[in-house]
Amino acid sequence: MKADGIRPLAICVFRDGENILVAEGTDDVKGETFYRPLGGAIEFGEYGQDTVIRELREEIGAEITGLRYLGALENVFTYMGERGHEIVLVFDGAFVDQSIYTRERIDGNEDGFGPFIATWKPLSFFASGGAPLYPDGLLALLRGEP
């Protein structure tokens, strides 16, 4: 990522009761394990909802439906010692294949970043400080907080 560039992203929150589907990530410099919903970079000329559809197909081979825009978040952060800046469009959606909701672990692969594992985590896990949920502000958005 360009150090002085702002990266446009689109992510989708998939819910199963209190649980949301998140990919686990690590920052070795901070010694931190964190979680983030699935999605990715918006390509030039691509709408955010189309990004989410494409990314879920590419990353985990899943078809999605019922996309609904929840809001946008601005995320200025440091990852692996490098500063980053993102504008993140947040969507809510559902999987066409209902069996995905019963899987404890979903293996995925993200271009440029390699394999990842997605799991279902309760919002209370993040609210109680179990691990950070990124982008910043996502937990408040999902809980309807200002």
C-alpha atoms as a PDB file:
ATOM      1  CA  MET A   1       0.000   0.000   0.000  1.00  0.00           C
ATOM      2  CA  LYS A   2       1.254   3.480  -0.831  1.00  0.00           C
ATOM      3  CA  ALA A   3       2.215   5.241   2.405  1.00  0.00           C
ATOM      4  CA  ASP A   4       0.379   8.418   1.444  1.00  0.00           C
ATOM      5  CA  GLY A   5      -2.641   6.773  -0.224  1.00  0.00           C
ATOM      6  CA  ILE A   6      -6.123   6.122   1.077  1.00  0.00           C
ATOM      7  CA  ARG A   7      -7.370   2.615   0.355  1.00  0.00           C
ATOM      8  CA  PRO A   8     -11.098   2.191  -0.458  1.00  0.00           C
ATOM      9  CA  LEU A   9     -12.523  -1.077   0.913  1.00  0.00           C
ATOM     10  CA  ALA A  10     -15.867  -2.846   1.142  1.00  0.00           C
ATOM     11  CA  ILE A  11     -16.579  -5.475   3.796  1.00  0.00           C
ATOM     12  CA  CYS A  12     -19.613  -7.553   4.660  1.00  0.00           C
ATOM     13  CA  VAL A  13     -20.870  -8.574   8.066  1.00  0.00           C
ATOM     14  CA  PHE A  14     -22.511 -11.994   8.125  1.00  0.00           C
ATOM     15  CA  ARG A  15     -24.501 -12.684  11.287  1.00  0.00           C
ATOM     16  CA  ASP A  16     -25.626 -15.871  12.931  1.00  0.00           C
ATOM     17  CA  GLY A  17     -27.497 -14.709  16.009  1.00  0.00           C
ATOM     18  CA  GLU A  18     -24.950 -12.899  18.205  1.00  0.00           C
ATOM     19  CA  ASN A  19     -22.057 -14.225  16.090  1.00  0.00           C
ATOM     20  CA  ILE A  20     -20.352 -12.579  13.122  1.00  0.00           C
ATOM     21  CA  LEU A  21     -17.984 -14.140  10.613  1.00  0.00           C
ATOM     22  CA  VAL A  22     -14.475 -12.705  10.886  1.00  0.00           C
ATOM     23  CA  ALA A  23     -11.022 -13.493   9.546  1.00  0.00           C
ATOM     24  CA  GLU A  24      -8.216 -13.744  12.070  1.00  0.00           C
ATOM     25  CA  GLY A  25      -5.130 -11.629  11.506  1.00  0.00           C
ATOM     26  CA  THR A  26      -1.923 -10.933  13.374  1.00  0.00           C
ATOM     27  CA  ASP A  27       0.381  -7.959  13.678  1.00  0.00           C
ATOM     28  CA  ASP A  28       3.763  -9.365  14.690  1.00  0.00           C
ATOM     29  CA  VAL A  29       5.171  -5.902  15.430  1.00  0.00           C
ATOM     30  CA  LYS A  30       2.403  -5.148  17.967  1.00  0.00           C
ATOM     31  CA  GLY A  31       2.137  -8.787  19.084  1.00  0.00           C
ATOM     32  CA  GLU A  32      -1.596  -8.560  18.413  1.00  0.00           C
ATOM     33  CA  THR A  33      -4.231 -10.974  17.146  1.00  0.00           C
ATOM     34  CA  PHE A  34      -7.221  -9.178  15.654  1.00  0.00           C
ATOM     35  CA  TYR A  35     -10.348  -9.904  13.637  1.00  0.00           C
ATOM     36  CA  ARG A  36     -11.981  -8.329  10.603  1.00  0.00           C
ATOM     37  CA  PRO A  37     -15.024  -9.159   8.443  1.00  0.00           C
ATOM     38  CA  LEU A  38     -14.433 -10.465   4.934  1.00  0.00           C
ATOM     39  CA  GLY A  39     -14.162  -8.166   1.936  1.00  0.00           C
ATOM     40  CA  GLY A  40     -11.441  -6.227   0.212  1.00  0.00           C
ATOM     41  CA  ALA A  41     -10.244  -3.411  -1.990  1.00  0.00           C
ATOM     42  CA  ILE A  42     -12.675  -1.637  -4.282  1.00  0.00           C
ATOM     43  CA  GLU A  43     -11.326  -1.667  -7.820  1.00  0.00           C
ATOM     44  CA  PHE A  44     -11.590   1.375 -10.063  1.00  0.00           C
ATOM     45  CA  GLY A  45     -15.083   1.586 -11.573  1.00  0.00           C
ATOM     46  CA  GLU A  46     -16.487  -1.039  -9.194  1.00  0.00           C
ATOM     47  CA  TYR A  47     -19.331  -0.361  -6.772  1.00  0.00           C
ATOM     48  CA  GLY A  48     -18.830  -1.381  -3.144  1.00  0.00           C
ATOM     49  CA  GLN A  49     -21.545  -4.044  -3.190  1.00  0.00           C
ATOM     50  CA  ASP A  50     -19.989  -5.571  -6.307  1.00  0.00           C
ATOM     51  CA  THR A  51     -16.645  -5.646  -4.476  1.00  0.00           C
ATOM     52  CA  VAL A  52     -18.180  -7.665  -1.652  1.00  0.00           C
ATOM     53  CA  ILE A  53     -19.748 -10.148  -4.083  1.00  0.00           C
ATOM     54  CA  ARG A  54     -16.454 -10.560  -5.983  1.00  0.00           C
ATOM     55  CA  GLU A  55     -14.291 -10.812  -2.872  1.00  0.00           C
ATOM     56  CA  LEU A  56     -16.450 -13.504  -1.225  1.00  0.00           C
ATOM     57  CA  ARG A  57     -16.385 -15.551  -4.432  1.00  0.00           C
ATOM     58  CA  GLU A  58     -12.608 -15.188  -4.716  1.00  0.00           C
ATOM     59  CA  GLU A  59     -11.731 -15.658  -1.041  1.00  0.00           C
ATOM     60  CA  ILE A  60     -14.044 -18.479   0.088  1.00  0.00           C
ATOM     61  CA  GLY A  61     -16.020 -19.479  -3.019  1.00  0.00           C
ATOM     62  CA  ALA A  62     -19.329 -18.318  -1.531  1.00  0.00           C
ATOM     63  CA  GLU A  63     -22.365 -16.684  -3.117  1.00  0.00           C
ATOM     64  CA  ILE A  64     -24.153 -14.013  -1.086  1.00  0.00           C
ATOM     65  CA  THR A  65     -27.546 -12.346  -1.107  1.00  0.00           C
ATOM     66  CA  GLY A  66     -29.526  -9.634   0.652  1.00  0.00           C
ATOM     67  CA  LEU A  67     -26.758  -7.032   0.704  1.00  0.00           C
ATOM     68  CA  ARG A  68     -27.661  -3.951   2.718  1.00  0.00           C
ATOM     69  CA  TYR A  69     -25.458  -0.891   3.233  1.00  0.00           C
ATOM     70  CA  LEU A  70     -24.798  -0.155   6.931  1.00  0.00           C
ATOM     71  CA  GLY A  71     -22.423   2.805   6.745  1.00  0.00           C
ATOM     72  CA  ALA A  72     -18.876   3.965   6.138  1.00  0.00           C
ATOM     73  CA  LEU A  73     -15.914   4.026   8.509  1.00  0.00           C
ATOM     74  CA  GLU A  74     -12.622   5.853   8.286  1.00  0.00           C
ATOM     75  CA  ASN A  75      -9.725   3.865   9.666  1.00  0.00           C
ATOM     76  CA  VAL A  76      -6.270   5.368  10.273  1.00  0.00           C
ATOM     77  CA  PHE A  77      -4.012   2.673  11.708  1.00  0.00           C
ATOM     78  CA  THR A  78      -0.577   1.130  12.006  1.00  0.00           C
ATOM     79  CA  TYR A  79      -0.068  -2.446  10.794  1.00  0.00           C
ATOM     80  CA  MET A  80       3.285  -4.238  10.884  1.00  0.00           C
ATOM     81  CA  GLY A  81       4.932  -0.902  11.671  1.00  0.00           C
ATOM     82  CA  GLU A  82       3.457   0.869   8.611  1.00  0.00           C
ATOM     83  CA  ARG A  83       0.785   3.549   8.730  1.00  0.00           C
ATOM     84  CA  GLY A  84      -2.385   2.997   6.711  1.00  0.00           C
ATOM     85  CA  HIS A  85      -5.570   4.887   5.929  1.00  0.00           C
ATOM     86  CA  GLU A  86      -8.799   3.275   4.721  1.00  0.00           C
ATOM     87  CA  ILE A  87     -12.319   4.350   3.894  1.00  0.00           C
ATOM     88  CA  VAL A  88     -14.442   1.252   4.496  1.00  0.00           C
ATOM     89  CA  LEU A  89     -17.970   0.699   3.154  1.00  0.00           C
ATOM     90  CA  VAL A  90     -19.757  -1.718   5.482  1.00  0.00           C
ATOM     91  CA  PHE A  91     -22.512  -4.034   4.255  1.00  0.00           C
ATOM     92  CA  ASP A  92     -24.684  -6.673   5.888  1.00  0.00           C
ATOM     93  CA  GLY A  93     -25.537  -9.800   3.929  1.00  0.00           C
ATOM     94  CA  ALA A  94     -26.411 -13.481   3.982  1.00  0.00           C
ATOM     95  CA  PHE A  95     -24.897 -16.614   2.494  1.00  0.00           C
ATOM     96  CA  VAL A  96     -26.880 -18.478  -0.161  1.00  0.00           C
ATOM     97  CA  ASP A  97     -25.380 -21.755   1.108  1.00  0.00           C
ATOM     98  CA  GLN A  98     -26.870 -22.101   4.587  1.00  0.00           C
ATOM     99  CA  SER A  99     -24.314 -24.758   5.568  1.00  0.00           C
ATOM    100  CA  ILE A 100     -21.704 -22.006   5.949  1.00  0.00           C
ATOM    101  CA  TYR A 101     -23.447 -20.946   9.146  1.00  0.00           C
ATOM    102  CA  THR A 102     -22.750 -24.366  10.693  1.00  0.00           C
ATOM    103  CA  ARG A 103     -19.020 -24.426   9.941  1.00  0.00           C
ATOM    104  CA  GLU A 104     -16.672 -23.706  12.816  1.00  0.00           C
ATOM    105  CA  ARG A 105     -13.837 -22.809  10.464  1.00  0.00           C
ATOM    106  CA  ILE A 106     -13.812 -21.493   6.908  1.00  0.00           C
ATOM    107  CA  ASP A 107     -10.536 -21.593   5.009  1.00  0.00           C
ATOM    108  CA  GLY A 108      -9.945 -18.752   2.602  1.00  0.00           C
ATOM    109  CA  ASN A 109      -7.263 -17.201   0.452  1.00  0.00           C
ATOM    110  CA  GLU A 110      -6.758 -13.503  -0.198  1.00  0.00           C
ATOM    111  CA  ASP A 111      -4.686 -12.359  -3.181  1.00  0.00           C
ATOM    112  CA  GLY A 112      -1.475 -10.734  -2.025  1.00  0.00           C
ATOM    113  CA  PHE A 113      -1.930 -11.855   1.586  1.00  0.00           C
ATOM    114  CA  GLY A 114      -2.255 -15.625   1.311  1.00  0.00           C
ATOM    115  CA  PRO A 115      -4.395 -18.094   3.252  1.00  0.00           C
ATOM    116  CA  PHE A 116      -6.573 -17.116   6.192  1.00  0.00           C
ATOM    117  CA  ILE A 117      -9.056 -18.701   8.590  1.00  0.00           C
ATOM    118  CA  ALA A 118     -12.504 -17.240   9.209  1.00  0.00           C
ATOM    119  CA  THR A 119     -14.535 -18.161  12.285  1.00  0.00           C
ATOM    120  CA  TRP A 120     -17.754 -17.165  13.988  1.00  0.00           C
ATOM    121  CA  LYS A 121     -17.202 -14.900  17.015  1.00  0.00           C
ATOM    122  CA  PRO A 122     -19.830 -13.341  19.297  1.00  0.00           C
ATOM    123  CA  LEU A 123     -19.990  -9.547  19.405  1.00  0.00           C
ATOM    124  CA  SER A 124     -19.647  -9.840  23.191  1.00  0.00           C
ATOM    125  CA  PHE A 125     -16.130 -11.271  22.655  1.00  0.00           C
ATOM    126  CA  PHE A 126     -15.064  -7.960  21.119  1.00  0.00           C
ATOM    127  CA  ALA A 127     -17.105  -5.808  23.501  1.00  0.00           C
ATOM    128  CA  SER A 128     -15.394  -7.446  26.498  1.00  0.00           C
ATOM    129  CA  GLY A 129     -11.916  -6.814  25.062  1.00  0.00           C
ATOM    130  CA  GLY A 130     -11.275 -10.392  23.880  1.00  0.00           C
ATOM    131  CA  ALA A 131      -9.501  -9.013  20.789  1.00  0.00           C
ATOM    132  CA  PRO A 132      -9.728  -5.960  18.557  1.00  0.00           C
ATOM    133  CA  LEU A 133     -12.363  -5.896  15.808  1.00  0.00           C
ATOM    134  CA  TYR A 134     -11.266  -3.824  12.822  1.00  0.00           C
ATOM    135  CA  PRO A 135     -11.872  -1.432  11.235  1.00  0.00           C
ATOM    136  CA  ASP A 136     -12.090   0.916  14.195  1.00  0.00           C
ATOM    137  CA  GLY A 137     -15.693   1.873  14.894  1.00  0.00           C
ATOM    138  CA  LEU A 138     -17.194  -1.326  13.490  1.00  0.00           C
ATOM    139  CA  LEU A 139     -18.309  -2.705  16.842  1.00  0.00           C
ATOM    140  CA  ALA A 140     -20.126   0.553  17.682  1.00  0.00           C
ATOM    141  CA  LEU A 141     -21.766   0.576  14.232  1.00  0.00           C
ATOM    142  CA  LEU A 142     -22.990  -3.002  14.654  1.00  0.00           C
ATOM    143  CA  ARG A 143     -24.313  -2.285  18.148  1.00  0.00           C
ATOM    144  CA  GLY A 144     -26.116   0.861  16.975  1.00  0.00           C
ATOM    145  CA  GLU A 145     -23.979   3.134  19.135  1.00  0.00           C
ATOM    146  CA  PRO A 146     -23.118   6.713  18.128  1.00  0.00           C
END
